[in-house]
């Protein structure tokens, strides 16, 4: 008899719990950065181009960026829309070296530093290993892209 009287109370508790879990409170909503205006592919993303929004639309699947520090200074790979969360796949590091561009090649070992120019054979961001053709010798070398846009090569 006690069990039958407890069922309606148990049902009500289950319904209330389910409703509480399904509707997150405003305090639980995290602010995510979204564009203030359309950001086109190739555009450099600056801090003043973003707004923090609690209920950003999440188009597509995959992880979305939840912090401005993860995207400021990066370049849009996709068209980013106002009010929409920004997927990680929608941004990339800025390319400092462009395919076909002239770059400074730097070799250093101890006190010895050799600098020359070369033609980049691929695009690259800071830290990427890129191939470069030495303009003087015609030899193709590989090196790491530096923050100043030069390519540091090492001895083999």
N, C-alpha and C. Protein backbone atom coordinates (compact mmCIF):
# COMPACT_ATOMS: atom_id res chain seq x y z
N UNK A 1 0.82 -1.20 0.00
CA UNK A 1 0.00 0.00 0.00
C UNK A 1 0.86 1.26 0.00
N UNK A 2 1.93 1.26 0.76
CA UNK A 2 2.80 2.43 0.83
C UNK A 2 3.46 2.66 -0.53
N UNK A 3 3.82 1.58 -1.23
CA UNK A 3 4.45 1.67 -2.53
C UNK A 3 3.54 2.35 -3.54
N UNK A 4 2.24 2.04 -3.54
CA UNK A 4 1.32 2.67 -4.49
C UNK A 4 1.13 4.15 -4.20
N UNK A 5 1.21 4.56 -2.95
CA UNK A 5 1.07 5.98 -2.61
C UNK A 5 2.35 6.75 -3.01
N UNK A 6 3.48 6.08 -3.00
CA UNK A 6 4.75 6.74 -3.32
C UNK A 6 4.96 6.91 -4.82
N UNK A 7 4.27 6.12 -5.65
CA UNK A 7 4.47 6.19 -7.09
C UNK A 7 4.19 7.58 -7.67
N UNK A 8 3.06 8.22 -7.38
CA UNK A 8 2.84 9.56 -7.95
C UNK A 8 3.93 10.56 -7.54
N UNK A 9 4.39 10.46 -6.31
CA UNK A 9 5.43 11.37 -5.84
C UNK A 9 6.73 11.09 -6.59
N UNK A 10 7.06 9.81 -6.78
CA UNK A 10 8.26 9.42 -7.50
C UNK A 10 8.20 9.88 -8.96
N UNK A 11 7.02 9.70 -9.59
CA UNK A 11 6.85 10.16 -10.98
C UNK A 11 7.06 11.67 -11.08
N UNK A 12 6.50 12.42 -10.16
CA UNK A 12 6.63 13.88 -10.17
C UNK A 12 8.10 14.28 -9.99
N UNK A 13 8.81 13.58 -9.12
CA UNK A 13 10.22 13.89 -8.89
C UNK A 13 11.04 13.60 -10.14
N UNK A 14 10.74 12.49 -10.81
CA UNK A 14 11.46 12.15 -12.04
C UNK A 14 11.20 13.18 -13.12
N UNK A 15 9.95 13.62 -13.28
CA UNK A 15 9.61 14.63 -14.29
C UNK A 15 10.31 15.94 -13.99
N UNK A 16 10.32 16.36 -12.72
CA UNK A 16 10.98 17.63 -12.36
C UNK A 16 12.49 17.55 -12.60
N UNK A 17 13.10 16.39 -12.28
CA UNK A 17 14.53 16.21 -12.49
C UNK A 17 14.87 16.27 -13.97
N UNK A 18 14.08 15.61 -14.79
CA UNK A 18 14.31 15.60 -16.23
C UNK A 18 14.18 17.00 -16.81
N UNK A 19 13.19 17.76 -16.34
CA UNK A 19 12.99 19.12 -16.83
C UNK A 19 14.17 20.01 -16.43
N UNK A 20 14.65 19.83 -15.22
CA UNK A 20 15.78 20.65 -14.76
C UNK A 20 17.05 20.35 -15.56
N UNK A 21 17.24 19.09 -15.94
CA UNK A 21 18.42 18.72 -16.73
C UNK A 21 18.32 19.19 -18.17
N UNK A 22 17.12 19.23 -18.71
CA UNK A 22 16.93 19.57 -20.12
C UNK A 22 17.05 21.05 -20.38
N UNK A 23 16.76 21.90 -19.42
CA UNK A 23 16.80 23.35 -19.62
C UNK A 23 17.90 23.94 -18.76
N UNK A 24 19.05 24.22 -19.33
CA UNK A 24 20.14 24.78 -18.54
C UNK A 24 19.80 26.20 -18.10
N UNK A 25 20.19 26.55 -16.91
CA UNK A 25 19.92 27.89 -16.40
C UNK A 25 20.88 28.87 -17.05
N UNK A 26 20.53 30.15 -16.96
CA UNK A 26 21.36 31.19 -17.56
C UNK A 26 22.74 31.22 -16.90
N UNK A 27 22.80 30.83 -15.62
CA UNK A 27 24.09 30.83 -14.92
C UNK A 27 25.02 29.77 -15.48
N UNK A 28 24.46 28.68 -16.03
CA UNK A 28 25.29 27.61 -16.57
C UNK A 28 25.75 27.91 -18.00
N UNK A 29 25.11 28.84 -18.69
CA UNK A 29 25.44 29.14 -20.09
C UNK A 29 26.80 29.83 -20.16
N UNK A 30 27.70 29.28 -20.91
CA UNK A 30 29.02 29.87 -21.09
C UNK A 30 28.98 30.84 -22.26
N UNK A 31 29.70 31.94 -22.14
CA UNK A 31 29.81 32.89 -23.24
C UNK A 31 30.84 32.37 -24.22
N UNK A 32 30.50 32.40 -25.50
CA UNK A 32 31.44 31.98 -26.54
C UNK A 32 31.64 33.13 -27.52
N UNK A 33 32.85 33.26 -28.06
CA UNK A 33 33.10 34.34 -29.02
C UNK A 33 32.43 34.04 -30.36
N UNK A 34 31.78 35.06 -30.90
CA UNK A 34 31.17 34.96 -32.22
C UNK A 34 31.50 36.25 -32.97
N UNK A 35 31.48 36.22 -34.29
CA UNK A 35 31.76 37.45 -35.05
C UNK A 35 30.68 38.50 -34.85
N UNK A 36 31.07 39.78 -34.82
CA UNK A 36 30.10 40.88 -34.78
C UNK A 36 29.52 41.11 -36.17
N UNK A 37 30.33 40.86 -37.19
CA UNK A 37 29.93 41.00 -38.59
C UNK A 37 30.54 39.81 -39.34
N UNK A 38 30.15 39.62 -40.58
CA UNK A 38 30.67 38.50 -41.37
C UNK A 38 32.19 38.62 -41.50
N UNK A 39 32.89 37.51 -41.24
CA UNK A 39 34.34 37.43 -41.42
C UNK A 39 34.57 36.46 -42.57
N UNK A 40 35.26 36.92 -43.59
CA UNK A 40 35.45 36.13 -44.80
C UNK A 40 36.75 35.34 -44.76
N UNK A 41 36.82 34.23 -45.52
CA UNK A 41 38.06 33.45 -45.57
C UNK A 41 39.25 34.33 -45.96
N UNK A 42 40.35 34.16 -45.24
CA UNK A 42 41.55 34.96 -45.49
C UNK A 42 41.65 36.19 -44.61
N UNK A 43 40.54 36.58 -43.95
CA UNK A 43 40.57 37.75 -43.06
C UNK A 43 41.31 37.41 -41.76
N UNK A 44 42.13 38.35 -41.30
CA UNK A 44 42.80 38.22 -40.01
C UNK A 44 41.77 38.54 -38.93
N UNK A 45 41.65 37.69 -37.91
CA UNK A 45 40.65 37.88 -36.86
C UNK A 45 41.25 38.71 -35.73
N UNK A 46 40.62 39.87 -35.48
CA UNK A 46 41.05 40.78 -34.43
C UNK A 46 40.06 40.73 -33.28
N UNK A 47 40.51 41.12 -32.09
CA UNK A 47 39.66 41.06 -30.90
C UNK A 47 38.39 41.89 -31.04
N UNK A 48 38.50 43.08 -31.66
CA UNK A 48 37.32 43.95 -31.77
C UNK A 48 36.30 43.45 -32.81
N UNK A 49 36.61 42.37 -33.50
CA UNK A 49 35.68 41.78 -34.48
C UNK A 49 34.76 40.75 -33.82
N UNK A 50 34.98 40.49 -32.50
CA UNK A 50 34.25 39.43 -31.81
C UNK A 50 33.35 39.97 -30.71
N UNK A 51 32.28 39.24 -30.45
CA UNK A 51 31.38 39.53 -29.33
C UNK A 51 31.16 38.23 -28.58
N UNK A 52 31.02 38.32 -27.25
CA UNK A 52 30.75 37.13 -26.45
C UNK A 52 29.24 36.95 -26.32
N UNK A 53 28.75 35.79 -26.73
CA UNK A 53 27.32 35.50 -26.80
C UNK A 53 27.03 34.24 -26.00
N UNK A 54 25.92 34.23 -25.20
CA UNK A 54 25.61 33.04 -24.41
C UNK A 54 25.00 31.89 -25.21
N UNK A 55 24.20 32.17 -26.20
CA UNK A 55 23.50 31.11 -26.93
C UNK A 55 23.85 31.14 -28.40
N UNK A 56 25.11 30.92 -28.72
CA UNK A 56 25.54 30.96 -30.12
C UNK A 56 25.06 29.71 -30.85
N UNK A 57 24.60 29.92 -32.07
CA UNK A 57 24.17 28.79 -32.91
C UNK A 57 25.38 27.94 -33.24
N UNK A 58 25.22 26.64 -33.16
CA UNK A 58 26.32 25.71 -33.45
C UNK A 58 25.96 24.91 -34.70
N UNK A 59 26.40 25.46 -35.84
CA UNK A 59 26.15 24.80 -37.13
C UNK A 59 27.18 23.70 -37.34
N UNK A 60 26.75 22.57 -37.81
CA UNK A 60 27.68 21.49 -38.11
C UNK A 60 28.07 20.72 -36.86
N UNK A 61 29.11 19.95 -36.99
CA UNK A 61 29.55 19.13 -35.86
C UNK A 61 31.00 19.44 -35.56
N UNK A 62 31.49 18.84 -34.53
CA UNK A 62 32.87 19.05 -34.15
C UNK A 62 33.00 20.06 -33.04
N UNK A 63 34.20 20.25 -32.56
CA UNK A 63 34.41 21.19 -31.45
C UNK A 63 34.35 22.64 -31.90
N UNK A 64 33.87 23.50 -31.00
CA UNK A 64 33.76 24.92 -31.27
C UNK A 64 34.66 25.68 -30.31
N UNK A 65 35.13 26.83 -30.75
CA UNK A 65 36.05 27.66 -29.96
C UNK A 65 35.28 28.31 -28.82
N UNK A 66 35.84 28.24 -27.61
CA UNK A 66 35.16 28.80 -26.45
C UNK A 66 35.94 29.93 -25.79
N UNK A 67 37.04 30.35 -26.42
CA UNK A 67 37.87 31.41 -25.84
C UNK A 67 38.44 32.30 -26.94
N UNK A 68 38.37 33.61 -26.72
CA UNK A 68 38.92 34.56 -27.70
C UNK A 68 40.41 34.32 -27.94
N UNK A 69 41.13 33.96 -26.89
CA UNK A 69 42.59 33.80 -27.01
C UNK A 69 42.97 32.71 -28.02
N UNK A 70 42.05 31.82 -28.32
CA UNK A 70 42.33 30.74 -29.27
C UNK A 70 42.20 31.18 -30.73
N UNK A 71 41.57 32.35 -30.98
CA UNK A 71 41.35 32.74 -32.37
C UNK A 71 41.88 34.11 -32.75
N UNK A 72 42.10 34.99 -31.77
CA UNK A 72 42.60 36.32 -32.11
C UNK A 72 44.00 36.17 -32.72
N UNK A 73 44.20 36.78 -33.88
CA UNK A 73 45.47 36.69 -34.59
C UNK A 73 45.52 35.57 -35.61
N UNK A 74 44.48 34.75 -35.65
CA UNK A 74 44.42 33.67 -36.65
C UNK A 74 43.69 34.18 -37.89
N UNK A 75 43.62 33.35 -38.90
CA UNK A 75 42.99 33.71 -40.17
C UNK A 75 41.77 32.82 -40.38
N UNK A 76 40.68 33.42 -40.86
CA UNK A 76 39.47 32.64 -41.14
C UNK A 76 39.70 31.74 -42.34
N UNK A 77 39.30 30.47 -42.19
CA UNK A 77 39.36 29.51 -43.31
C UNK A 77 38.00 29.38 -43.96
N UNK A 78 36.96 29.68 -43.18
CA UNK A 78 35.56 29.60 -43.64
C UNK A 78 34.91 30.96 -43.46
N UNK A 79 33.74 31.16 -44.06
CA UNK A 79 32.96 32.36 -43.79
C UNK A 79 32.35 32.20 -42.41
N UNK A 80 32.65 33.15 -41.50
CA UNK A 80 32.17 33.10 -40.12
C UNK A 80 31.03 34.11 -39.97
N UNK A 81 29.89 33.64 -39.47
CA UNK A 81 28.69 34.46 -39.41
C UNK A 81 28.41 34.99 -38.01
N UNK A 82 27.85 36.21 -37.91
CA UNK A 82 27.50 36.78 -36.60
C UNK A 82 26.51 35.88 -35.87
N UNK A 83 26.70 35.74 -34.55
CA UNK A 83 25.79 34.94 -33.74
C UNK A 83 26.00 33.45 -33.83
N UNK A 84 26.96 33.01 -34.63
CA UNK A 84 27.24 31.58 -34.79
C UNK A 84 28.58 31.24 -34.15
N UNK A 85 28.62 30.14 -33.43
CA UNK A 85 29.86 29.68 -32.81
C UNK A 85 30.88 29.40 -33.92
N UNK A 86 32.14 29.54 -33.58
CA UNK A 86 33.22 29.37 -34.55
C UNK A 86 33.85 27.99 -34.36
N UNK A 87 33.80 27.14 -35.39
CA UNK A 87 34.42 25.81 -35.26
C UNK A 87 35.95 25.92 -35.35
N UNK A 88 36.65 25.00 -34.69
CA UNK A 88 38.11 25.00 -34.77
C UNK A 88 38.57 24.89 -36.21
N UNK A 89 37.84 24.15 -37.02
CA UNK A 89 38.22 23.98 -38.42
C UNK A 89 38.00 25.26 -39.24
N UNK A 90 37.37 26.26 -38.66
CA UNK A 90 37.10 27.51 -39.38
C UNK A 90 38.22 28.52 -39.34
N UNK A 91 39.28 28.23 -38.58
CA UNK A 91 40.40 29.16 -38.47
C UNK A 91 41.72 28.41 -38.62
N UNK A 92 42.76 29.14 -38.98
CA UNK A 92 44.09 28.55 -39.07
C UNK A 92 45.13 29.61 -38.71
N UNK A 93 46.34 29.17 -38.49
CA UNK A 93 47.43 30.11 -38.20
C UNK A 93 47.72 30.94 -39.44
N UNK A 94 48.18 32.16 -39.20
CA UNK A 94 48.54 33.06 -40.28
C UNK A 94 49.76 32.52 -41.02
N UNK A 95 49.72 32.53 -42.34
CA UNK A 95 50.84 32.06 -43.16
C UNK A 95 51.86 33.19 -43.27
N UNK A 96 53.07 32.93 -42.79
CA UNK A 96 54.14 33.92 -42.88
C UNK A 96 54.98 33.73 -44.14
N UNK A 97 54.95 32.51 -44.67
CA UNK A 97 55.70 32.18 -45.88
C UNK A 97 54.69 31.73 -46.93
N UNK A 98 54.77 32.33 -48.12
CA UNK A 98 53.85 31.97 -49.20
C UNK A 98 54.61 31.26 -50.31
N UNK A 99 53.96 30.28 -50.91
CA UNK A 99 54.54 29.54 -52.02
C UNK A 99 55.00 30.51 -53.10
N UNK A 100 56.25 30.41 -53.51
CA UNK A 100 56.79 31.26 -54.57
C UNK A 100 57.41 32.56 -54.08
N UNK A 101 57.20 32.90 -52.83
CA UNK A 101 57.73 34.16 -52.30
C UNK A 101 59.21 34.02 -51.95
N UNK A 102 59.90 35.14 -52.00
CA UNK A 102 61.31 35.16 -51.59
C UNK A 102 61.37 35.18 -50.07
N UNK A 103 62.21 34.32 -49.49
CA UNK A 103 62.37 34.27 -48.04
C UNK A 103 63.85 34.31 -47.69
N UNK A 104 64.11 34.73 -46.46
CA UNK A 104 65.48 34.75 -45.97
C UNK A 104 65.77 33.38 -45.35
N UNK A 105 66.85 32.73 -45.80
CA UNK A 105 67.30 31.46 -45.24
C UNK A 105 68.41 31.76 -44.23
N UNK A 106 68.31 31.16 -43.06
CA UNK A 106 69.30 31.39 -42.01
C UNK A 106 69.82 30.05 -41.51
N UNK A 107 71.15 29.90 -41.55
CA UNK A 107 71.82 28.74 -40.98
C UNK A 107 72.69 29.26 -39.86
N UNK A 108 72.56 28.70 -38.67
CA UNK A 108 73.46 29.11 -37.58
C UNK A 108 73.88 27.90 -36.78
N UNK A 109 75.17 27.88 -36.45
CA UNK A 109 75.73 26.83 -35.63
C UNK A 109 76.87 27.46 -34.84
N UNK A 110 76.68 27.54 -33.54
CA UNK A 110 77.67 28.22 -32.70
C UNK A 110 77.74 29.70 -33.08
N UNK A 111 78.95 30.17 -33.37
CA UNK A 111 79.14 31.57 -33.76
C UNK A 111 78.96 31.80 -35.25
N UNK A 112 78.85 30.72 -36.02
CA UNK A 112 78.73 30.83 -37.47
C UNK A 112 77.27 31.08 -37.86
N UNK A 113 77.04 32.15 -38.62
CA UNK A 113 75.69 32.47 -39.13
C UNK A 113 75.82 32.75 -40.62
N UNK A 114 75.05 32.01 -41.42
CA UNK A 114 75.04 32.22 -42.87
C UNK A 114 73.62 32.59 -43.27
N UNK A 115 73.49 33.69 -44.01
CA UNK A 115 72.18 34.12 -44.49
C UNK A 115 72.20 34.26 -46.00
N UNK A 116 71.12 33.83 -46.63
CA UNK A 116 70.95 33.96 -48.07
C UNK A 116 69.46 34.03 -48.35
N UNK A 117 69.11 34.08 -49.61
CA UNK A 117 67.68 34.10 -49.95
C UNK A 117 67.32 32.83 -50.70
N UNK A 118 66.03 32.56 -50.70
CA UNK A 118 65.51 31.40 -51.41
C UNK A 118 64.07 31.63 -51.81
N UNK A 119 63.54 30.72 -52.60
CA UNK A 119 62.15 30.78 -53.03
C UNK A 119 61.37 29.69 -52.32
N UNK A 120 60.34 30.09 -51.60
CA UNK A 120 59.53 29.11 -50.87
C UNK A 120 58.79 28.21 -51.85
N UNK A 121 58.77 26.92 -51.56
CA UNK A 121 58.09 25.96 -52.41
C UNK A 121 56.75 25.54 -51.82
N UNK A 122 56.39 26.14 -50.67
CA UNK A 122 55.09 25.87 -50.05
C UNK A 122 54.80 26.96 -49.01
N UNK A 123 53.52 27.06 -48.63
CA UNK A 123 53.10 28.00 -47.60
C UNK A 123 53.53 27.48 -46.24
N UNK A 124 53.68 28.38 -45.27
CA UNK A 124 54.02 27.93 -43.92
C UNK A 124 53.69 28.96 -42.86
N UNK A 125 53.32 28.47 -41.69
CA UNK A 125 53.08 29.28 -40.50
C UNK A 125 54.24 29.11 -39.54
N UNK A 126 54.25 29.86 -38.46
CA UNK A 126 55.32 29.76 -37.47
C UNK A 126 55.48 28.30 -37.03
N UNK A 127 56.71 27.82 -37.10
CA UNK A 127 57.01 26.46 -36.66
C UNK A 127 56.87 25.39 -37.72
N UNK A 128 56.18 25.70 -38.83
CA UNK A 128 56.03 24.70 -39.90
C UNK A 128 57.38 24.45 -40.58
N UNK A 129 57.58 23.21 -41.00
CA UNK A 129 58.76 22.87 -41.79
C UNK A 129 58.37 23.04 -43.26
N UNK A 130 59.10 23.89 -43.98
CA UNK A 130 58.81 24.16 -45.38
C UNK A 130 60.04 23.89 -46.24
N UNK A 131 59.79 23.63 -47.51
CA UNK A 131 60.88 23.45 -48.48
C UNK A 131 61.14 24.78 -49.17
N UNK A 132 62.42 25.09 -49.35
CA UNK A 132 62.84 26.34 -49.98
C UNK A 132 63.99 26.03 -50.94
N UNK A 133 63.93 26.63 -52.14
CA UNK A 133 65.02 26.48 -53.11
C UNK A 133 65.99 27.63 -52.90
N UNK A 134 67.25 27.29 -52.62
CA UNK A 134 68.30 28.28 -52.44
C UNK A 134 68.53 28.97 -53.79
N UNK A 135 68.42 30.31 -53.82
CA UNK A 135 68.57 31.06 -55.08
C UNK A 135 69.98 30.97 -55.65
N UNK A 136 70.99 30.88 -54.78
CA UNK A 136 72.38 30.85 -55.24
C UNK A 136 72.78 29.49 -55.81
N UNK A 137 72.42 28.42 -55.11
CA UNK A 137 72.89 27.09 -55.51
C UNK A 137 71.84 26.25 -56.25
N UNK A 138 70.58 26.62 -56.12
CA UNK A 138 69.51 25.83 -56.74
C UNK A 138 69.13 24.60 -55.92
N UNK A 139 69.81 24.38 -54.80
CA UNK A 139 69.54 23.23 -53.94
C UNK A 139 68.26 23.49 -53.13
N UNK A 140 67.45 22.44 -52.98
CA UNK A 140 66.24 22.55 -52.16
C UNK A 140 66.57 22.10 -50.75
N UNK A 141 66.22 22.96 -49.78
CA UNK A 141 66.46 22.66 -48.36
C UNK A 141 65.14 22.77 -47.62
N UNK A 142 65.12 22.22 -46.41
CA UNK A 142 63.94 22.33 -45.55
C UNK A 142 64.34 23.05 -44.28
N UNK A 143 63.40 23.83 -43.76
CA UNK A 143 63.67 24.54 -42.52
C UNK A 143 62.38 24.97 -41.85
N UNK A 144 62.53 25.47 -40.62
CA UNK A 144 61.38 25.88 -39.81
C UNK A 144 61.11 27.37 -39.99
N UNK A 145 59.84 27.71 -40.17
CA UNK A 145 59.43 29.11 -40.31
C UNK A 145 59.56 29.79 -38.95
N UNK A 146 60.23 30.93 -38.94
CA UNK A 146 60.46 31.71 -37.72
C UNK A 146 59.42 32.83 -37.61
N UNK A 147 59.23 33.40 -36.41
CA UNK A 147 58.23 34.47 -36.24
C UNK A 147 58.45 35.69 -37.14
N UNK A 148 59.70 35.93 -37.57
CA UNK A 148 59.96 37.07 -38.46
C UNK A 148 59.76 36.73 -39.93
N UNK A 149 59.36 35.49 -40.25
CA UNK A 149 59.12 35.09 -41.64
C UNK A 149 60.32 34.46 -42.31
N UNK A 150 61.45 34.43 -41.62
CA UNK A 150 62.63 33.76 -42.18
C UNK A 150 62.48 32.26 -41.99
N UNK A 151 63.37 31.50 -42.65
CA UNK A 151 63.36 30.05 -42.52
C UNK A 151 64.72 29.62 -41.99
N UNK A 152 64.71 28.94 -40.83
CA UNK A 152 65.94 28.48 -40.19
C UNK A 152 66.22 27.06 -40.65
N UNK A 153 67.39 26.89 -41.26
CA UNK A 153 67.81 25.56 -41.72
C UNK A 153 68.92 25.08 -40.80
N UNK A 154 69.09 23.77 -40.75
CA UNK A 154 70.15 23.22 -39.91
C UNK A 154 71.03 22.31 -40.75
N UNK A 155 72.22 22.06 -40.23
CA UNK A 155 73.17 21.19 -40.95
C UNK A 155 72.71 19.74 -40.90
N UNK A 156 73.05 18.98 -41.92
CA UNK A 156 72.61 17.62 -42.01
C UNK A 156 73.58 16.69 -41.46
